[in-house]
Amino acid sequence: MSLPPAVRGTGAETRQDGAGKKREDLEAELGGVALPASPRSASCVASVPVPPHLAVWEENEAMRLLRFEAECEFVQALANPQYLRYLQKERYFQDPRFVAYLHYLDYWRRPPYVVHLLFPICLGILDLLQKEEIRERLEKEDVVAVLDQTLRLHWLYFACDKNKV
């Protein structure tokens, strides 16, 4: 799937999707939600890898943006130990499709994507979740409590000014 060429008009960048819709039309379809204006953001959204189960779909720019935002939020939600506990209770970690999805999300480590993460510690958690042993250990409440305490201390340490300590 290739991206439609950028069309330059009166100085403002417009993009057309396969059906000939312009950027403004896509924003109107999204209810006035503005598509990213920065070239870096737009290129990230445009180049988000497509998971294998969605490869048969034809995505336009608005759909890519929504998927980009949803995956960005999900990856960052992995930094919440209570959310991990919920996923374990609901048996998501036993589903091979979900585990494959976690492997797919590894693309967030690459430079065009990692700059969009507000909580980069989520990449460390994503690393841990690649291991079956760790996913199984999340069944224990004390493991979740230790992870929660460790992350809180990490945030506390990195939030303080190291020159004043």
N, C-alpha and C. Protein backbone atom coordinates (compact mmCIF):
# COMPACT_ATOMS: atom_id res chain seq x y z
N MET A 1 0.84 -1.15 0.00
CA MET A 1 0.00 0.00 0.00
C MET A 1 0.90 1.23 0.00
N SER A 2 0.76 2.08 -0.98
CA SER A 2 1.60 3.27 -1.04
C SER A 2 0.78 4.49 -0.67
N LEU A 3 1.49 5.49 -0.20
CA LEU A 3 0.83 6.73 0.18
C LEU A 3 0.52 7.56 -1.04
N PRO A 4 -0.59 8.27 -1.01
CA PRO A 4 -0.88 9.17 -2.11
C PRO A 4 0.11 10.33 -2.11
N PRO A 5 0.41 10.87 -3.27
CA PRO A 5 1.37 11.97 -3.33
C PRO A 5 0.82 13.22 -2.66
N ALA A 6 1.73 14.02 -2.10
CA ALA A 6 1.34 15.29 -1.50
C ALA A 6 1.08 16.29 -2.61
N VAL A 7 0.04 17.06 -2.45
CA VAL A 7 -0.32 18.08 -3.43
C VAL A 7 -0.11 19.43 -2.78
N ARG A 8 0.65 20.30 -3.40
CA ARG A 8 0.90 21.62 -2.83
C ARG A 8 -0.01 22.63 -3.53
N GLY A 9 -0.74 23.36 -2.69
CA GLY A 9 -1.66 24.35 -3.24
C GLY A 9 -1.17 25.74 -2.94
N THR A 10 -1.85 26.41 -2.04
CA THR A 10 -1.53 27.80 -1.72
C THR A 10 -0.58 27.88 -0.53
N GLY A 11 0.35 26.98 -0.44
CA GLY A 11 1.30 26.99 0.66
C GLY A 11 0.94 26.01 1.76
N ALA A 12 -0.32 25.62 1.87
CA ALA A 12 -0.73 24.65 2.89
C ALA A 12 -0.69 23.26 2.27
N GLU A 13 -0.13 22.33 3.03
CA GLU A 13 -0.03 20.97 2.50
C GLU A 13 -1.40 20.31 2.51
N THR A 14 -1.73 19.69 1.40
CA THR A 14 -2.95 18.89 1.33
C THR A 14 -2.56 17.52 0.83
N ARG A 15 -3.25 16.52 1.31
CA ARG A 15 -3.02 15.15 0.86
C ARG A 15 -4.32 14.62 0.30
N GLN A 16 -4.18 13.75 -0.66
CA GLN A 16 -5.36 13.11 -1.21
C GLN A 16 -5.25 11.62 -0.97
N ASP A 17 -6.39 11.01 -0.57
CA ASP A 17 -6.36 9.56 -0.41
C ASP A 17 -6.73 8.92 -1.74
N GLY A 18 -6.83 7.61 -1.76
CA GLY A 18 -7.09 6.90 -3.00
C GLY A 18 -8.38 7.32 -3.67
N ALA A 19 -9.37 7.79 -2.90
CA ALA A 19 -10.65 8.19 -3.46
C ALA A 19 -10.64 9.66 -3.88
N GLY A 20 -9.50 10.34 -3.75
CA GLY A 20 -9.40 11.72 -4.18
C GLY A 20 -9.82 12.72 -3.11
N LYS A 21 -9.94 12.29 -1.86
CA LYS A 21 -10.34 13.21 -0.79
C LYS A 21 -9.13 14.01 -0.32
N LYS A 22 -9.36 15.28 -0.09
CA LYS A 22 -8.29 16.14 0.40
C LYS A 22 -8.22 16.09 1.91
N ARG A 23 -7.13 16.59 2.42
CA ARG A 23 -6.89 16.62 3.87
C ARG A 23 -8.06 17.29 4.60
N GLU A 24 -8.55 18.39 4.08
CA GLU A 24 -9.65 19.11 4.72
C GLU A 24 -10.91 18.25 4.79
N ASP A 25 -11.17 17.47 3.73
CA ASP A 25 -12.33 16.59 3.72
C ASP A 25 -12.19 15.50 4.78
N LEU A 26 -10.97 14.96 4.93
CA LEU A 26 -10.75 13.93 5.95
C LEU A 26 -10.95 14.50 7.34
N GLU A 27 -10.46 15.73 7.56
CA GLU A 27 -10.65 16.36 8.86
C GLU A 27 -12.13 16.59 9.14
N ALA A 28 -12.89 16.96 8.11
CA ALA A 28 -14.33 17.16 8.28
C ALA A 28 -15.02 15.84 8.63
N GLU A 29 -14.60 14.73 7.98
CA GLU A 29 -15.16 13.42 8.29
C GLU A 29 -14.89 13.02 9.73
N LEU A 30 -13.77 13.46 10.26
CA LEU A 30 -13.42 13.13 11.65
C LEU A 30 -14.09 14.07 12.64
N GLY A 31 -14.98 14.91 12.18
CA GLY A 31 -15.68 15.82 13.07
C GLY A 31 -14.85 17.01 13.48
N GLY A 32 -13.99 17.47 12.59
CA GLY A 32 -13.17 18.63 12.87
C GLY A 32 -11.85 18.32 13.54
N VAL A 33 -11.54 17.04 13.74
CA VAL A 33 -10.26 16.67 14.34
C VAL A 33 -9.16 16.96 13.35
N ALA A 34 -8.20 17.76 13.75
CA ALA A 34 -7.11 18.14 12.85
C ALA A 34 -6.11 17.01 12.72
N LEU A 35 -5.72 16.74 11.50
CA LEU A 35 -4.67 15.76 11.25
C LEU A 35 -3.33 16.40 11.58
N PRO A 36 -2.31 15.62 11.90
CA PRO A 36 -1.03 16.21 12.29
C PRO A 36 -0.48 17.14 11.22
N ALA A 37 0.02 18.28 11.66
CA ALA A 37 0.54 19.26 10.72
C ALA A 37 2.03 19.12 10.51
N SER A 38 2.73 18.60 11.52
CA SER A 38 4.18 18.52 11.39
C SER A 38 4.56 17.40 10.44
N PRO A 39 5.56 17.62 9.60
CA PRO A 39 5.97 16.58 8.66
C PRO A 39 6.41 15.31 9.38
N ARG A 40 7.05 15.45 10.53
CA ARG A 40 7.51 14.26 11.24
C ARG A 40 6.32 13.42 11.70
N SER A 41 5.29 14.08 12.27
CA SER A 41 4.11 13.36 12.73
C SER A 41 3.37 12.73 11.56
N ALA A 42 3.22 13.49 10.50
CA ALA A 42 2.50 12.96 9.35
C ALA A 42 3.22 11.77 8.76
N SER A 43 4.55 11.82 8.71
CA SER A 43 5.28 10.69 8.14
C SER A 43 5.20 9.48 9.06
N CYS A 44 5.17 9.72 10.37
CA CYS A 44 5.02 8.60 11.31
C CYS A 44 3.68 7.92 11.12
N VAL A 45 2.63 8.72 11.04
CA VAL A 45 1.30 8.15 10.87
C VAL A 45 1.21 7.41 9.55
N ALA A 46 1.81 7.97 8.53
CA ALA A 46 1.73 7.37 7.21
C ALA A 46 2.50 6.06 7.12
N SER A 47 3.53 5.91 7.97
CA SER A 47 4.37 4.72 7.84
C SER A 47 4.16 3.71 8.97
N VAL A 48 3.08 3.85 9.73
CA VAL A 48 2.81 2.88 10.80
C VAL A 48 2.63 1.51 10.17
N PRO A 49 3.39 0.51 10.64
CA PRO A 49 3.25 -0.82 10.06
C PRO A 49 1.84 -1.36 10.27
N VAL A 50 1.38 -2.09 9.31
CA VAL A 50 0.03 -2.66 9.37
C VAL A 50 0.12 -4.07 9.95
N PRO A 51 -0.67 -4.36 11.01
CA PRO A 51 -0.65 -5.72 11.54
C PRO A 51 -1.15 -6.70 10.49
N PRO A 52 -0.66 -7.94 10.51
CA PRO A 52 -1.03 -8.91 9.48
C PRO A 52 -2.53 -9.10 9.30
N HIS A 53 -3.29 -9.08 10.39
CA HIS A 53 -4.73 -9.32 10.27
C HIS A 53 -5.47 -8.14 9.64
N LEU A 54 -4.82 -6.99 9.52
CA LEU A 54 -5.45 -5.83 8.86
C LEU A 54 -4.88 -5.57 7.47
N ALA A 55 -3.97 -6.42 7.03
CA ALA A 55 -3.28 -6.18 5.76
C ALA A 55 -4.22 -6.18 4.56
N VAL A 56 -5.38 -6.81 4.69
CA VAL A 56 -6.30 -6.87 3.55
C VAL A 56 -7.18 -5.62 3.46
N TRP A 57 -7.17 -4.78 4.48
CA TRP A 57 -7.97 -3.56 4.49
C TRP A 57 -7.25 -2.45 3.74
N GLU A 58 -8.02 -1.61 3.12
CA GLU A 58 -7.46 -0.42 2.49
C GLU A 58 -7.68 0.74 3.46
N GLU A 59 -6.60 1.30 3.97
CA GLU A 59 -6.69 2.38 4.95
C GLU A 59 -6.48 3.73 4.29
N ASN A 60 -7.28 4.69 4.70
CA ASN A 60 -7.00 6.06 4.27
C ASN A 60 -6.23 6.76 5.38
N GLU A 61 -5.90 8.00 5.19
CA GLU A 61 -5.07 8.73 6.16
C GLU A 61 -5.75 8.86 7.51
N ALA A 62 -7.05 9.09 7.51
CA ALA A 62 -7.78 9.24 8.77
C ALA A 62 -7.76 7.94 9.57
N MET A 63 -7.92 6.82 8.90
CA MET A 63 -7.89 5.52 9.59
C MET A 63 -6.50 5.24 10.14
N ARG A 64 -5.46 5.59 9.38
CA ARG A 64 -4.09 5.40 9.86
C ARG A 64 -3.83 6.25 11.11
N LEU A 65 -4.34 7.48 11.10
CA LEU A 65 -4.17 8.36 12.25
C LEU A 65 -4.85 7.78 13.49
N LEU A 66 -6.07 7.29 13.33
CA LEU A 66 -6.78 6.71 14.47
C LEU A 66 -6.06 5.48 15.00
N ARG A 67 -5.55 4.65 14.11
CA ARG A 67 -4.82 3.45 14.56
C ARG A 67 -3.52 3.85 15.25
N PHE A 68 -2.83 4.85 14.69
CA PHE A 68 -1.60 5.35 15.30
C PHE A 68 -1.86 5.83 16.73
N GLU A 69 -2.90 6.63 16.91
CA GLU A 69 -3.21 7.16 18.24
C GLU A 69 -3.63 6.05 19.21
N ALA A 70 -4.43 5.11 18.73
CA ALA A 70 -4.89 4.01 19.60
C ALA A 70 -3.71 3.14 20.03
N GLU A 71 -2.82 2.83 19.10
CA GLU A 71 -1.67 1.99 19.45
C GLU A 71 -0.70 2.74 20.36
N CYS A 72 -0.55 4.04 20.16
CA CYS A 72 0.30 4.85 21.03
C CYS A 72 -0.25 4.85 22.46
N GLU A 73 -1.55 5.04 22.59
CA GLU A 73 -2.16 5.02 23.92
C GLU A 73 -2.06 3.65 24.56
N PHE A 74 -2.27 2.60 23.78
CA PHE A 74 -2.21 1.25 24.34
C PHE A 74 -0.81 0.92 24.83
N VAL A 75 0.20 1.24 24.03
CA VAL A 75 1.58 0.95 24.44
C VAL A 75 1.89 1.67 25.75
N GLN A 76 1.46 2.91 25.88
CA GLN A 76 1.73 3.67 27.10
C GLN A 76 0.91 3.16 28.28
N ALA A 77 -0.26 2.60 28.01
CA ALA A 77 -1.08 2.03 29.09
C ALA A 77 -0.39 0.83 29.73
N LEU A 78 0.54 0.21 29.01
CA LEU A 78 1.27 -0.93 29.56
C LEU A 78 2.15 -0.52 30.74
N ALA A 79 2.39 0.76 30.93
CA ALA A 79 3.18 1.24 32.07
C ALA A 79 2.35 1.27 33.35
N ASN A 80 1.08 0.90 33.27
CA ASN A 80 0.21 0.88 34.44
C ASN A 80 0.09 -0.56 34.95
N PRO A 81 0.70 -0.89 36.08
CA PRO A 81 0.66 -2.27 36.59
C PRO A 81 -0.75 -2.78 36.84
N GLN A 82 -1.66 -1.90 37.25
CA GLN A 82 -3.04 -2.35 37.49
C GLN A 82 -3.72 -2.74 36.18
N TYR A 83 -3.37 -2.07 35.10
CA TYR A 83 -3.90 -2.45 33.79
C TYR A 83 -3.34 -3.80 33.37
N LEU A 84 -2.07 -4.03 33.66
CA LEU A 84 -1.47 -5.33 33.35
C LEU A 84 -2.18 -6.44 34.13
N ARG A 85 -2.50 -6.15 35.39
CA ARG A 85 -3.23 -7.12 36.21
C ARG A 85 -4.59 -7.41 35.61
N TYR A 86 -5.27 -6.37 35.13
CA TYR A 86 -6.57 -6.55 34.47
C TYR A 86 -6.43 -7.44 33.23
N LEU A 87 -5.42 -7.16 32.42
CA LEU A 87 -5.21 -7.97 31.22
C LEU A 87 -4.96 -9.43 31.59
N GLN A 88 -4.24 -9.65 32.68
CA GLN A 88 -3.97 -11.02 33.12
C GLN A 88 -5.24 -11.69 33.62
N LYS A 89 -6.05 -10.97 34.40
CA LYS A 89 -7.30 -11.53 34.92
C LYS A 89 -8.25 -11.91 33.79
N GLU A 90 -8.27 -11.10 32.76
CA GLU A 90 -9.16 -11.36 31.62
C GLU A 90 -8.56 -12.35 30.63
N ARG A 91 -7.39 -12.88 30.97
CA ARG A 91 -6.72 -13.94 30.22
C ARG A 91 -6.27 -13.50 28.81
N TYR A 92 -5.98 -12.22 28.65
CA TYR A 92 -5.46 -11.74 27.37
C TYR A 92 -4.08 -12.32 27.08
N PHE A 93 -3.28 -12.49 28.12
CA PHE A 93 -1.91 -12.97 27.91
C PHE A 93 -1.86 -14.44 27.51
N GLN A 94 -2.98 -15.16 27.64
CA GLN A 94 -3.03 -16.54 27.20
C GLN A 94 -3.47 -16.65 25.73
N ASP A 95 -3.93 -15.57 25.17
CA ASP A 95 -4.39 -15.56 23.78
C ASP A 95 -3.19 -15.34 22.86
N PRO A 96 -2.89 -16.32 21.99
CA PRO A 96 -1.72 -16.17 21.10
C PRO A 96 -1.83 -14.96 20.16
N ARG A 97 -3.05 -14.56 19.81
CA ARG A 97 -3.20 -13.39 18.95
C ARG A 97 -2.78 -12.12 19.69
N PHE A 98 -3.12 -12.04 20.98
CA PHE A 98 -2.74 -10.87 21.77
C PHE A 98 -1.22 -10.83 21.97
N VAL A 99 -0.62 -11.98 22.21
CA VAL A 99 0.84 -12.05 22.36
C VAL A 99 1.51 -11.63 21.05
N ALA A 100 0.95 -12.06 19.92
CA ALA A 100 1.49 -11.64 18.62
C ALA A 100 1.34 -10.12 18.45
N TYR A 101 0.25 -9.57 18.94
CA TYR A 101 0.04 -8.12 18.88
C TYR A 101 1.10 -7.39 19.70
N LEU A 102 1.45 -7.94 20.85
CA LEU A 102 2.51 -7.33 21.67
C LEU A 102 3.84 -7.33 20.92
N HIS A 103 4.11 -8.41 20.19
CA HIS A 103 5.34 -8.46 19.38
C HIS A 103 5.28 -7.43 18.25
N TYR A 104 4.12 -7.29 17.65
CA TYR A 104 3.94 -6.31 16.58
C TYR A 104 4.22 -4.88 17.07
N LEU A 105 3.83 -4.60 18.31
CA LEU A 105 3.99 -3.24 18.86
C LEU A 105 5.44 -2.87 19.11
N ASP A 106 6.35 -3.77 18.87
CA ASP A 106 7.77 -3.49 19.04
C ASP A 106 8.26 -2.35 18.13
N TYR A 107 7.51 -2.02 17.09
CA TYR A 107 7.94 -0.96 16.18
C TYR A 107 8.00 0.40 16.88
N TRP A 108 7.39 0.53 18.06
CA TRP A 108 7.42 1.79 18.80
C TRP A 108 8.80 2.13 19.31
N ARG A 109 9.75 1.21 19.23
CA ARG A 109 11.13 1.48 19.65
C ARG A 109 11.89 2.31 18.63
N ARG A 110 11.46 2.28 17.39
CA ARG A 110 12.20 2.94 16.32
C ARG A 110 12.04 4.47 16.41
N PRO A 111 13.08 5.18 15.99
CA PRO A 111 13.11 6.65 16.13
C PRO A 111 11.89 7.42 15.63
N PRO A 112 11.29 7.11 14.52
CA PRO A 112 10.18 7.99 14.16
C PRO A 112 8.98 7.87 15.10
N TYR A 113 8.89 6.78 15.85
CA TYR A 113 7.73 6.56 16.71
C TYR A 113 8.00 6.86 18.17
N VAL A 114 9.19 6.53 18.65
CA VAL A 114 9.51 6.65 20.08
C VAL A 114 9.38 8.08 20.57
N VAL A 115 9.54 9.06 19.70
CA VAL A 115 9.43 10.46 20.13
C VAL A 115 8.00 10.84 20.52
N HIS A 116 7.02 10.03 20.17
CA HIS A 116 5.63 10.32 20.49
C HIS A 116 5.21 9.75 21.84
N LEU A 117 6.08 8.99 22.49
CA LEU A 117 5.74 8.37 23.77
C LEU A 117 6.03 9.33 24.91
N LEU A 118 5.04 9.57 25.75
CA LEU A 118 5.23 10.40 26.94
C LEU A 118 5.80 9.59 28.09
N PHE A 119 5.56 8.28 28.09
CA PHE A 119 6.03 7.39 29.15
C PHE A 119 6.91 6.31 28.54
N PRO A 120 8.18 6.63 28.26
CA PRO A 120 9.04 5.64 27.59
C PRO A 120 9.31 4.39 28.41
N ILE A 121 9.00 4.43 29.71
CA ILE A 121 9.17 3.23 30.54
C ILE A 121 8.27 2.10 30.02
N CYS A 122 7.24 2.45 29.27
CA CYS A 122 6.34 1.43 28.73
C CYS A 122 7.08 0.48 27.79
N LEU A 123 8.17 0.94 27.18
CA LEU A 123 8.95 0.05 26.31
C LEU A 123 9.66 -1.02 27.13
N GLY A 124 10.08 -0.68 28.34
CA GLY A 124 10.67 -1.68 29.23
C GLY A 124 9.64 -2.72 29.64
N ILE A 125 8.42 -2.26 29.91
CA ILE A 125 7.34 -3.19 30.27
C ILE A 125 7.00 -4.06 29.07
N LEU A 126 6.99 -3.47 27.88
CA LEU A 126 6.74 -4.25 26.66
C LEU A 126 7.79 -5.33 26.50
N ASP A 127 9.05 -5.01 26.82
CA ASP A 127 10.12 -6.02 26.81
C ASP A 127 9.79 -7.17 27.75
N LEU A 128 9.38 -6.82 28.97
CA LEU A 128 9.07 -7.86 29.95
C LEU A 128 7.91 -8.74 29.48
N LEU A 129 6.92 -8.13 28.86
CA LEU A 129 5.74 -8.88 28.43
C LEU A 129 6.04 -9.83 27.27
N GLN A 130 7.19 -9.70 26.65
CA GLN A 130 7.57 -10.64 25.58
C GLN A 130 7.88 -12.02 26.16
N LYS A 131 8.15 -12.08 27.47
CA LYS A 131 8.52 -13.34 28.12
C LYS A 131 7.29 -13.97 28.75
N GLU A 132 7.06 -15.23 28.42
CA GLU A 132 5.90 -15.94 28.94
C GLU A 132 5.94 -16.04 30.47
N GLU A 133 7.12 -16.24 31.01
CA GLU A 133 7.27 -16.36 32.47
C GLU A 133 6.76 -15.11 33.18
N ILE A 134 7.08 -13.96 32.65
CA ILE A 134 6.64 -12.69 33.26
C ILE A 134 5.13 -12.56 33.16
N ARG A 135 4.57 -12.90 32.00
CA ARG A 135 3.12 -12.81 31.83
C ARG A 135 2.40 -13.71 32.84
N GLU A 136 2.96 -14.89 33.11
CA GLU A 136 2.34 -15.80 34.08
C GLU A 136 2.46 -15.26 35.50
N ARG A 137 3.58 -14.63 35.82
CA ARG A 137 3.79 -14.11 37.17
C ARG A 137 2.84 -12.97 37.52
N LEU A 138 2.30 -12.31 36.52
CA LEU A 138 1.38 -11.20 36.78
C LEU A 138 0.07 -11.67 37.42
N GLU A 139 -0.13 -13.00 37.50
CA GLU A 139 -1.32 -13.53 38.18
C GLU A 139 -1.25 -13.26 39.68
N LYS A 140 -0.04 -13.14 40.21
CA LYS A 140 0.14 -12.93 41.65
C LYS A 140 0.05 -11.44 41.98
N GLU A 141 -0.77 -11.16 42.96
CA GLU A 141 -0.99 -9.77 43.36
C GLU A 141 0.28 -9.11 43.89
N ASP A 142 1.13 -9.88 44.58
CA ASP A 142 2.35 -9.29 45.14
C ASP A 142 3.33 -8.89 44.05
N VAL A 143 3.34 -9.60 42.94
CA VAL A 143 4.21 -9.23 41.81
C VAL A 143 3.76 -7.90 41.22
N VAL A 144 2.46 -7.73 41.09
CA VAL A 144 1.91 -6.47 40.58
C VAL A 144 2.23 -5.34 41.55
N ALA A 145 2.13 -5.61 42.86
CA ALA A 145 2.43 -4.58 43.86
C ALA A 145 3.90 -4.17 43.80
N VAL A 146 4.80 -5.13 43.63
CA VAL A 146 6.24 -4.82 43.53
C VAL A 146 6.51 -4.00 42.26
N LEU A 147 5.90 -4.40 41.17
CA LEU A 147 6.07 -3.66 39.92
C LEU A 147 5.54 -2.24 40.07
N ASP A 148 4.39 -2.10 40.71
CA ASP A 148 3.80 -0.79 40.94
C ASP A 148 4.73 0.09 41.78
N GLN A 149 5.25 -0.47 42.86
CA GLN A 149 6.15 0.28 43.73
C GLN A 149 7.45 0.65 42.99
N THR A 150 7.98 -0.27 42.21
CA THR A 150 9.20 -0.01 41.45
C THR A 150 9.00 1.13 40.46
N LEU A 151 7.88 1.12 39.76
CA LEU A 151 7.61 2.18 38.79
C LEU A 151 7.40 3.53 39.48
N ARG A 152 6.73 3.52 40.63
CA ARG A 152 6.53 4.77 41.37
C ARG A 152 7.88 5.35 41.81
N LEU A 153 8.76 4.50 42.30
CA LEU A 153 10.09 4.97 42.70
C LEU A 153 10.89 5.48 41.50
N HIS A 154 10.74 4.79 40.38
CA HIS A 154 11.42 5.23 39.15
C HIS A 154 10.94 6.63 38.76
N TRP A 155 9.62 6.83 38.75
CA TRP A 155 9.08 8.14 38.38
C TRP A 155 9.49 9.20 39.39
N LEU A 156 9.50 8.85 40.67
CA LEU A 156 9.90 9.80 41.70
C LEU A 156 11.36 10.21 41.53
N TYR A 157 12.22 9.24 41.27
CA TYR A 157 13.64 9.51 41.12
C TYR A 157 13.91 10.38 39.90
N PHE A 158 13.29 10.05 38.78
CA PHE A 158 13.56 10.80 37.55
C PHE A 158 12.79 12.11 37.49
N ALA A 159 11.84 12.31 38.41
CA ALA A 159 11.11 13.58 38.43
C ALA A 159 11.87 14.64 39.21
N CYS A 160 12.77 14.20 40.12
CA CYS A 160 13.50 15.18 40.92
C CYS A 160 14.69 15.73 40.14
N ASP A 161 15.13 16.90 40.54
CA ASP A 161 16.30 17.52 39.92
C ASP A 161 17.55 16.87 40.50
N LYS A 162 18.28 16.17 39.69
CA LYS A 162 19.44 15.40 40.16
C LYS A 162 20.56 16.31 40.67
N ASN A 163 20.59 17.57 40.27
CA ASN A 163 21.63 18.49 40.74
C ASN A 163 21.38 18.94 42.18
N LYS A 164 20.13 18.86 42.64
CA LYS A 164 19.81 19.30 44.00
C LYS A 164 19.89 18.16 45.00
N VAL A 165 20.00 16.94 44.55
CA VAL A 165 20.01 15.79 45.45
C VAL A 165 21.37 15.57 46.05
